[in-house]
Amino acid sequence: MWTVVYIAPNRTIAEMLKEILASEGLLVMLRSTGIPHFGDGGAVEILVPESEAEEAYEILSSTVPV
């Protein structure tokens, strides 16, 4: 089961965070949300397997300002 660990405001930020998580050995999937015609400007969910969610939260909390 995949778990949403962060919702990025756009595809560029989502890709950057995906690379950070992947470099730590996590499996990462991106899923666009909202209206499709926004293209890369719409929000993007960052998902990881449920078993890796806690580690992903820790990595993101040290990377993304709250």
PDB file of N, CA and C in Angstrom:
ATOM      1  N   MET A   1       0.842  -1.179   0.000  1.00  0.00           N
ATOM      2  CA  MET A   1       0.000   0.000   0.000  1.00  0.00           C
ATOM      3  C   MET A   1       0.888   1.244   0.000  1.00  0.00           C
ATOM      4  N   TRP A   2       0.560   2.204  -0.848  1.00  0.00           N
ATOM      5  CA  TRP A   2       1.307   3.450  -0.940  1.00  0.00           C
ATOM      6  C   TRP A   2       0.682   4.496  -0.027  1.00  0.00           C
ATOM      7  N   THR A   3       1.528   5.329   0.576  1.00  0.00           N
ATOM      8  CA  THR A   3       1.087   6.350   1.516  1.00  0.00           C
ATOM      9  C   THR A   3       1.598   7.720   1.071  1.00  0.00           C
ATOM     10  N   VAL A   4       0.708   8.705   1.096  1.00  0.00           N
ATOM     11  CA  VAL A   4       1.109  10.076   0.762  1.00  0.00           C
ATOM     12  C   VAL A   4       1.896  10.631   1.948  1.00  0.00           C
ATOM     13  N   VAL A   5       3.128  11.092   1.672  1.00  0.00           N
ATOM     14  CA  VAL A   5       3.954  11.661   2.735  1.00  0.00           C
ATOM     15  C   VAL A   5       4.114  13.172   2.597  1.00  0.00           C
ATOM     16  N   TYR A   6       3.760  13.708   1.428  1.00  0.00           N
ATOM     17  CA  TYR A   6       3.888  15.148   1.214  1.00  0.00           C
ATOM     18  C   TYR A   6       3.113  15.525  -0.034  1.00  0.00           C
ATOM     19  N   ILE A   7       2.558  16.725  -0.042  1.00  0.00           N
ATOM     20  CA  ILE A   7       1.909  17.248  -1.242  1.00  0.00           C
ATOM     21  C   ILE A   7       2.691  18.486  -1.662  1.00  0.00           C
ATOM     22  N   ALA A   8       3.401  18.354  -2.770  1.00  0.00           N
ATOM     23  CA  ALA A   8       4.216  19.451  -3.292  1.00  0.00           C
ATOM     24  C   ALA A   8       3.335  20.398  -4.094  1.00  0.00           C
ATOM     25  N   PRO A   9       3.657  21.688  -4.102  1.00  0.00           N
ATOM     26  CA  PRO A   9       2.824  22.655  -4.823  1.00  0.00           C
ATOM     27  C   PRO A   9       2.920  22.554  -6.339  1.00  0.00           C
ATOM     28  N   ASN A  10       4.007  21.913  -6.844  1.00  0.00           N
ATOM     29  CA  ASN A  10       4.145  21.765  -8.292  1.00  0.00           C
ATOM     30  C   ASN A  10       5.068  20.587  -8.616  1.00  0.00           C
ATOM     31  N   ARG A  11       5.135  20.223  -9.875  1.00  0.00           N
ATOM     32  CA  ARG A  11       5.904  19.065 -10.330  1.00  0.00           C
ATOM     33  C   ARG A  11       7.406  19.249 -10.104  1.00  0.00           C
ATOM     34  N   THR A  12       7.911  20.465 -10.266  1.00  0.00           N
ATOM     35  CA  THR A  12       9.344  20.720 -10.098  1.00  0.00           C
ATOM     36  C   THR A  12       9.804  20.382  -8.685  1.00  0.00           C
ATOM     37  N   ILE A  13       9.075  20.866  -7.704  1.00  0.00           N
ATOM     38  CA  ILE A  13       9.425  20.586  -6.305  1.00  0.00           C
ATOM     39  C   ILE A  13       9.238  19.107  -6.006  1.00  0.00           C
ATOM     40  N   ALA A  14       8.174  18.510  -6.535  1.00  0.00           N
ATOM     41  CA  ALA A  14       7.934  17.083  -6.319  1.00  0.00           C
ATOM     42  C   ALA A  14       9.086  16.238  -6.858  1.00  0.00           C
ATOM     43  N   GLU A  15       9.568  16.569  -8.039  1.00  0.00           N
ATOM     44  CA  GLU A  15      10.691  15.822  -8.628  1.00  0.00           C
ATOM     45  C   GLU A  15      11.953  15.977  -7.779  1.00  0.00           C
ATOM     46  N   MET A  16      12.194  17.169  -7.260  1.00  0.00           N
ATOM     47  CA  MET A  16      13.358  17.407  -6.419  1.00  0.00           C
ATOM     48  C   MET A  16      13.289  16.553  -5.143  1.00  0.00           C
ATOM     49  N   LEU A  17      12.118  16.540  -4.505  1.00  0.00           N
ATOM     50  CA  LEU A  17      11.954  15.750  -3.289  1.00  0.00           C
ATOM     51  C   LEU A  17      12.008  14.256  -3.575  1.00  0.00           C
ATOM     52  N   LYS A  18      11.488  13.852  -4.724  1.00  0.00           N
ATOM     53  CA  LYS A  18      11.559  12.446  -5.121  1.00  0.00           C
ATOM     54  C   LYS A  18      13.011  12.001  -5.219  1.00  0.00           C
ATOM     55  N   GLU A  19      13.849  12.829  -5.818  1.00  0.00           N
ATOM     56  CA  GLU A  19      15.273  12.498  -5.955  1.00  0.00           C
ATOM     57  C   GLU A  19      15.944  12.369  -4.589  1.00  0.00           C
ATOM     58  N   ILE A  20      15.599  13.256  -3.664  1.00  0.00           N
ATOM     59  CA  ILE A  20      16.175  13.192  -2.315  1.00  0.00           C
ATOM     60  C   ILE A  20      15.789  11.877  -1.644  1.00  0.00           C
ATOM     61  N   LEU A  21      14.514  11.529  -1.701  1.00  0.00           N
ATOM     62  CA  LEU A  21      14.055  10.289  -1.071  1.00  0.00           C
ATOM     63  C   LEU A  21      14.656   9.056  -1.751  1.00  0.00           C
ATOM     64  N   ALA A  22      14.697   9.079  -3.071  1.00  0.00           N
ATOM     65  CA  ALA A  22      15.254   7.942  -3.819  1.00  0.00           C
ATOM     66  C   ALA A  22      16.740   7.764  -3.521  1.00  0.00           C
ATOM     67  N   SER A  23      17.458   8.873  -3.334  1.00  0.00           N
ATOM     68  CA  SER A  23      18.892   8.779  -3.032  1.00  0.00           C
ATOM     69  C   SER A  23      19.135   8.144  -1.661  1.00  0.00           C
ATOM     70  N   GLU A  24      18.102   8.163  -0.809  1.00  0.00           N
ATOM     71  CA  GLU A  24      18.179   7.509   0.498  1.00  0.00           C
ATOM     72  C   GLU A  24      17.706   6.059   0.432  1.00  0.00           C
ATOM     73  N   GLY A  25      17.375   5.590  -0.778  1.00  0.00           N
ATOM     74  CA  GLY A  25      16.992   4.195  -0.968  1.00  0.00           C
ATOM     75  C   GLY A  25      15.509   3.895  -0.865  1.00  0.00           C
ATOM     76  N   LEU A  26      14.679   4.929  -0.833  1.00  0.00           N
ATOM     77  CA  LEU A  26      13.235   4.713  -0.737  1.00  0.00           C
ATOM     78  C   LEU A  26      12.613   4.598  -2.127  1.00  0.00           C
ATOM     79  N   LEU A  27      11.554   3.823  -2.220  1.00  0.00           N
ATOM     80  CA  LEU A  27      10.759   3.771  -3.443  1.00  0.00           C
ATOM     81  C   LEU A  27       9.817   4.966  -3.396  1.00  0.00           C
ATOM     82  N   VAL A  28       9.703   5.680  -4.505  1.00  0.00           N
ATOM     83  CA  VAL A  28       8.885   6.895  -4.529  1.00  0.00           C
ATOM     84  C   VAL A  28       8.038   6.927  -5.792  1.00  0.00           C
ATOM     85  N   MET A  29       6.795   7.357  -5.627  1.00  0.00           N
ATOM     86  CA  MET A  29       5.884   7.515  -6.758  1.00  0.00           C
ATOM     87  C   MET A  29       5.267   8.908  -6.650  1.00  0.00           C
ATOM     88  N   LEU A  30       5.079   9.563  -7.789  1.00  0.00           N
ATOM     89  CA  LEU A  30       4.419  10.864  -7.823  1.00  0.00           C
ATOM     90  C   LEU A  30       3.042  10.711  -8.460  1.00  0.00           C
ATOM     91  N   ARG A  31       2.067  11.473  -7.938  1.00  0.00           N
ATOM     92  CA  ARG A  31       0.714  11.427  -8.490  1.00  0.00           C
ATOM     93  C   ARG A  31       0.150  12.849  -8.515  1.00  0.00           C
ATOM     94  N   SER A  32      -0.189  13.303  -9.706  1.00  0.00           N
ATOM     95  CA  SER A  32      -0.776  14.643  -9.852  1.00  0.00           C
ATOM     96  C   SER A  32      -2.159  14.674  -9.227  1.00  0.00           C
ATOM     97  N   THR A  33      -2.487  15.822  -8.662  1.00  0.00           N
ATOM     98  CA  THR A  33      -3.815  16.006  -8.075  1.00  0.00           C
ATOM     99  C   THR A  33      -4.474  17.208  -8.735  1.00  0.00           C
ATOM    100  N   GLY A  34      -5.731  17.355  -8.513  1.00  0.00           N
ATOM    101  CA  GLY A  34      -6.424  18.535  -9.009  1.00  0.00           C
ATOM    102  C   GLY A  34      -6.756  18.477 -10.489  1.00  0.00           C
ATOM    103  N   ILE A  35      -6.779  19.630 -11.093  1.00  0.00           N
ATOM    104  CA  ILE A  35      -7.229  19.794 -12.468  1.00  0.00           C
ATOM    105  C   ILE A  35      -6.088  19.501 -13.443  1.00  0.00           C
ATOM    106  N   PRO A  36      -6.281  18.566 -14.370  1.00  0.00           N
ATOM    107  CA  PRO A  36      -5.220  18.152 -15.285  1.00  0.00           C
ATOM    108  C   PRO A  36      -4.661  19.273 -16.168  1.00  0.00           C
ATOM    109  N   HIS A  37      -5.452  20.269 -16.528  1.00  0.00           N
ATOM    110  CA  HIS A  37      -4.964  21.288 -17.464  1.00  0.00           C
ATOM    111  C   HIS A  37      -3.952  22.252 -16.838  1.00  0.00           C
ATOM    112  N   PHE A  38      -3.689  22.127 -15.545  1.00  0.00           N
ATOM    113  CA  PHE A  38      -2.653  22.942 -14.919  1.00  0.00           C
ATOM    114  C   PHE A  38      -1.254  22.470 -15.299  1.00  0.00           C
ATOM    115  N   GLY A  39      -1.144  21.264 -15.869  1.00  0.00           N
ATOM    116  CA  GLY A  39       0.155  20.734 -16.273  1.00  0.00           C
ATOM    117  C   GLY A  39       1.088  20.598 -15.089  1.00  0.00           C
ATOM    118  N   ASP A  40       2.306  21.134 -15.227  1.00  0.00           N
ATOM    119  CA  ASP A  40       3.306  21.022 -14.169  1.00  0.00           C
ATOM    120  C   ASP A  40       3.050  21.982 -13.015  1.00  0.00           C
ATOM    121  N   GLY A  41       2.050  22.842 -13.129  1.00  0.00           N
ATOM    122  CA  GLY A  41       1.783  23.829 -12.098  1.00  0.00           C
ATOM    123  C   GLY A  41       0.872  23.361 -10.986  1.00  0.00           C
ATOM    124  N   GLY A  42       0.230  22.211 -11.146  1.00  0.00           N
ATOM    125  CA  GLY A  42      -0.692  21.719 -10.128  1.00  0.00           C
ATOM    126  C   GLY A  42       0.018  20.963  -9.022  1.00  0.00           C
ATOM    127  N   ALA A  43      -0.680  20.734  -7.928  1.00  0.00           N
ATOM    128  CA  ALA A  43      -0.118  20.004  -6.790  1.00  0.00           C
ATOM    129  C   ALA A  43       0.180  18.555  -7.171  1.00  0.00           C
ATOM    130  N   VAL A  44       1.206  18.009  -6.520  1.00  0.00           N
ATOM    131  CA  VAL A  44       1.634  16.634  -6.792  1.00  0.00           C
ATOM    132  C   VAL A  44       1.852  15.919  -5.470  1.00  0.00           C
ATOM    133  N   GLU A  45       1.207  14.759  -5.310  1.00  0.00           N
ATOM    134  CA  GLU A  45       1.404  13.948  -4.118  1.00  0.00           C
ATOM    135  C   GLU A  45       2.679  13.130  -4.250  1.00  0.00           C
ATOM    136  N   ILE A  46       3.418  13.038  -3.155  1.00  0.00           N
ATOM    137  CA  ILE A  46       4.599  12.187  -3.096  1.00  0.00           C
ATOM    138  C   ILE A  46       4.226  10.995  -2.233  1.00  0.00           C
ATOM    139  N   LEU A  47       4.332   9.816  -2.823  1.00  0.00           N
ATOM    140  CA  LEU A  47       3.930   8.595  -2.136  1.00  0.00           C
ATOM    141  C   LEU A  47       5.112   7.646  -1.977  1.00  0.00           C
ATOM    142  N   VAL A  48       5.111   6.903  -0.860  1.00  0.00           N
ATOM    143  CA  VAL A  48       6.091   5.855  -0.623  1.00  0.00           C
ATOM    144  C   VAL A  48       5.337   4.640  -0.090  1.00  0.00           C
ATOM    145  N   PRO A  49       5.957   3.453  -0.145  1.00  0.00           N
ATOM    146  CA  PRO A  49       5.305   2.302   0.474  1.00  0.00           C
ATOM    147  C   PRO A  49       5.057   2.573   1.961  1.00  0.00           C
ATOM    148  N   GLU A  50       3.961   2.057   2.469  1.00  0.00           N
ATOM    149  CA  GLU A  50       3.571   2.301   3.860  1.00  0.00           C
ATOM    150  C   GLU A  50       4.702   1.967   4.832  1.00  0.00           C
ATOM    151  N   SER A  51       5.462   0.927   4.530  1.00  0.00           N
ATOM    152  CA  SER A  51       6.550   0.502   5.416  1.00  0.00           C
ATOM    153  C   SER A  51       7.712   1.495   5.445  1.00  0.00           C
ATOM    154  N   GLU A  52       7.781   2.403   4.479  1.00  0.00           N
ATOM    155  CA  GLU A  52       8.860   3.395   4.417  1.00  0.00           C
ATOM    156  C   GLU A  52       8.388   4.799   4.786  1.00  0.00           C
ATOM    157  N   ALA A  53       7.116   4.936   5.147  1.00  0.00           N
ATOM    158  CA  ALA A  53       6.542   6.267   5.398  1.00  0.00           C
ATOM    159  C   ALA A  53       7.233   7.001   6.542  1.00  0.00           C
ATOM    160  N   GLU A  54       7.490   6.334   7.643  1.00  0.00           N
ATOM    161  CA  GLU A  54       8.110   7.001   8.790  1.00  0.00           C
ATOM    162  C   GLU A  54       9.493   7.539   8.424  1.00  0.00           C
ATOM    163  N   GLU A  55      10.285   6.735   7.721  1.00  0.00           N
ATOM    164  CA  GLU A  55      11.607   7.183   7.289  1.00  0.00           C
ATOM    165  C   GLU A  55      11.491   8.367   6.328  1.00  0.00           C
ATOM    166  N   ALA A  56      10.518   8.312   5.429  1.00  0.00           N
ATOM    167  CA  ALA A  56      10.310   9.408   4.480  1.00  0.00           C
ATOM    168  C   ALA A  56       9.950  10.692   5.211  1.00  0.00           C
ATOM    169  N   TYR A  57       9.077  10.607   6.226  1.00  0.00           N
ATOM    170  CA  TYR A  57       8.714  11.787   7.018  1.00  0.00           C
ATOM    171  C   TYR A  57       9.945  12.400   7.673  1.00  0.00           C
ATOM    172  N   GLU A  58      10.814  11.554   8.214  1.00  0.00           N
ATOM    173  CA  GLU A  58      12.027  12.047   8.873  1.00  0.00           C
ATOM    174  C   GLU A  58      12.931  12.770   7.878  1.00  0.00           C
ATOM    175  N   ILE A  59      13.111  12.186   6.702  1.00  0.00           N
ATOM    176  CA  ILE A  59      13.953  12.797   5.674  1.00  0.00           C
ATOM    177  C   ILE A  59      13.357  14.125   5.224  1.00  0.00           C
ATOM    178  N   LEU A  60      12.049  14.121   4.963  1.00  0.00           N
ATOM    179  CA  LEU A  60      11.395  15.349   4.496  1.00  0.00           C
ATOM    180  C   LEU A  60      11.391  16.435   5.570  1.00  0.00           C
ATOM    181  N   SER A  61      11.239  16.045   6.820  1.00  0.00           N
ATOM    182  CA  SER A  61      11.211  17.048   7.892  1.00  0.00           C
ATOM    183  C   SER A  61      12.555  17.760   8.032  1.00  0.00           C
ATOM    184  N   SER A  62      13.625  17.108   7.640  1.00  0.00           N
ATOM    185  CA  SER A  62      14.944  17.759   7.694  1.00  0.00           C
ATOM    186  C   SER A  62      15.267  18.488   6.393  1.00  0.00           C
ATOM    187  N   THR A  63      14.431  18.299   5.365  1.00  0.00           N
ATOM    188  CA  THR A  63      14.670  18.887   4.053  1.00  0.00           C
ATOM    189  C   THR A  63      13.734  20.046   3.750  1.00  0.00           C
ATOM    190  N   VAL A  64      12.458  19.870   4.062  1.00  0.00           N
ATOM    191  CA  VAL A  64      11.421  20.836   3.699  1.00  0.00           C
ATOM    192  C   VAL A  64      11.115  21.726   4.900  1.00  0.00           C
ATOM    193  N   PRO A  65      11.181  23.054   4.724  1.00  0.00           N
ATOM    194  CA  PRO A  65      10.804  23.935   5.837  1.00  0.00           C
ATOM    195  C   PRO A  65       9.320  23.796   6.153  1.00  0.00           C
ATOM    196  N   VAL A  66       8.991  23.795   7.421  1.00  0.00           N
ATOM    197  CA  VAL A  66       7.602  23.608   7.848  1.00  0.00           C
ATOM    198  C   VAL A  66       6.830  24.899   7.765  1.00  0.00           C
TER     199      VAL A  66
END
